């Protein structure tokens, strides 16, 4: 019984860790994409701002999607 509890705690911890990482990496990815587009198009700082907003929205969506598995 204790081993099943440990497995359940480990599983839930892994899901929570994955949820947090999905937020961080989606924001960083879209931030980087925004930086590249700003340099290419010369629209500084607009694409960075849009990248942060889009990355945050996608990260929040993924966070909710992953944490519903808990």
Protein backbone atom coordinates (compact mmCIF):
# COMPACT_ATOMS: atom_id res chain seq x y z
CA UNK A 1 0.00 0.00 0.00
CA UNK A 2 2.83 2.44 0.80
CA UNK A 3 4.47 1.70 -2.53
CA UNK A 4 1.25 2.65 -4.38
CA UNK A 5 1.10 5.92 -2.42
CA UNK A 6 4.70 6.68 -3.35
CA UNK A 7 4.00 5.99 -7.02
CA UNK A 8 0.94 8.23 -6.91
CA UNK A 9 2.90 11.07 -5.29
CA UNK A 10 5.70 10.68 -7.84
CA UNK A 11 3.20 10.69 -10.71
CA UNK A 12 1.47 13.81 -9.44
CA UNK A 13 4.77 15.57 -8.86
CA UNK A 14 5.87 14.79 -12.40
CA UNK A 15 2.61 16.16 -13.81
CA UNK A 16 2.92 19.35 -11.75
CA UNK A 17 6.54 19.78 -12.84
CA UNK A 18 5.56 19.29 -16.50
CA UNK A 19 2.78 21.86 -16.13
CA UNK A 20 5.15 24.47 -14.75
CA UNK A 21 7.74 23.79 -17.43
CA UNK A 22 5.14 24.09 -20.18
CA UNK A 23 4.36 27.63 -19.04
CA UNK A 24 8.01 28.66 -18.83
CA UNK A 25 9.03 27.17 -22.15
CA UNK A 26 6.04 28.46 -24.08
CA UNK A 27 6.68 32.02 -22.85
CA UNK A 28 10.40 31.75 -23.60
CA UNK A 29 9.76 30.28 -27.05
CA UNK A 30 7.36 33.00 -28.10
CA UNK A 31 9.54 35.67 -26.51
CA UNK A 32 12.46 34.47 -28.62
CA UNK A 33 10.28 34.36 -31.71
CA UNK A 34 9.17 37.92 -30.98
CA UNK A 35 12.77 39.06 -30.61
CA UNK A 36 13.69 37.51 -33.95
CA UNK A 37 10.70 39.07 -35.68
CA UNK A 38 11.48 42.47 -34.14
CA UNK A 39 15.03 42.35 -35.47
CA UNK A 40 13.89 41.18 -38.89
CA UNK A 41 10.95 43.57 -39.27
CA UNK A 42 12.29 46.47 -37.20
CA UNK A 43 9.12 46.67 -35.11
CA UNK A 44 10.72 46.76 -31.68
CA UNK A 45 9.16 46.17 -29.04
CA UNK A 46 5.80 45.11 -30.49
CA UNK A 47 6.55 41.55 -31.53
CA UNK A 48 8.18 40.87 -28.17
CA UNK A 49 5.05 42.08 -26.39
CA UNK A 50 2.83 40.01 -28.65
CA UNK A 51 5.12 37.00 -28.15
CA UNK A 52 4.88 37.31 -24.38
CA UNK A 53 1.08 37.56 -24.48
CA UNK A 54 0.67 34.64 -26.91
CA UNK A 55 3.22 32.54 -25.01
CA UNK A 56 1.46 33.23 -21.73
CA UNK A 57 -1.92 32.31 -23.18
CA UNK A 58 -0.63 29.07 -24.65
CA UNK A 59 1.27 28.30 -21.44
CA UNK A 60 -1.84 28.87 -19.34
CA UNK A 61 -3.86 26.64 -21.66
CA UNK A 62 -1.26 23.87 -21.40
CA UNK A 63 -1.02 24.34 -17.63
CA UNK A 64 -4.76 23.86 -17.24
CA UNK A 65 -4.81 20.94 -19.67
CA UNK A 66 -1.99 19.13 -17.86
CA UNK A 67 -3.18 19.85 -14.31
CA UNK A 68 -6.65 18.46 -14.99
CA UNK A 69 -4.91 15.06 -15.10
CA UNK A 70 -4.11 15.43 -11.39
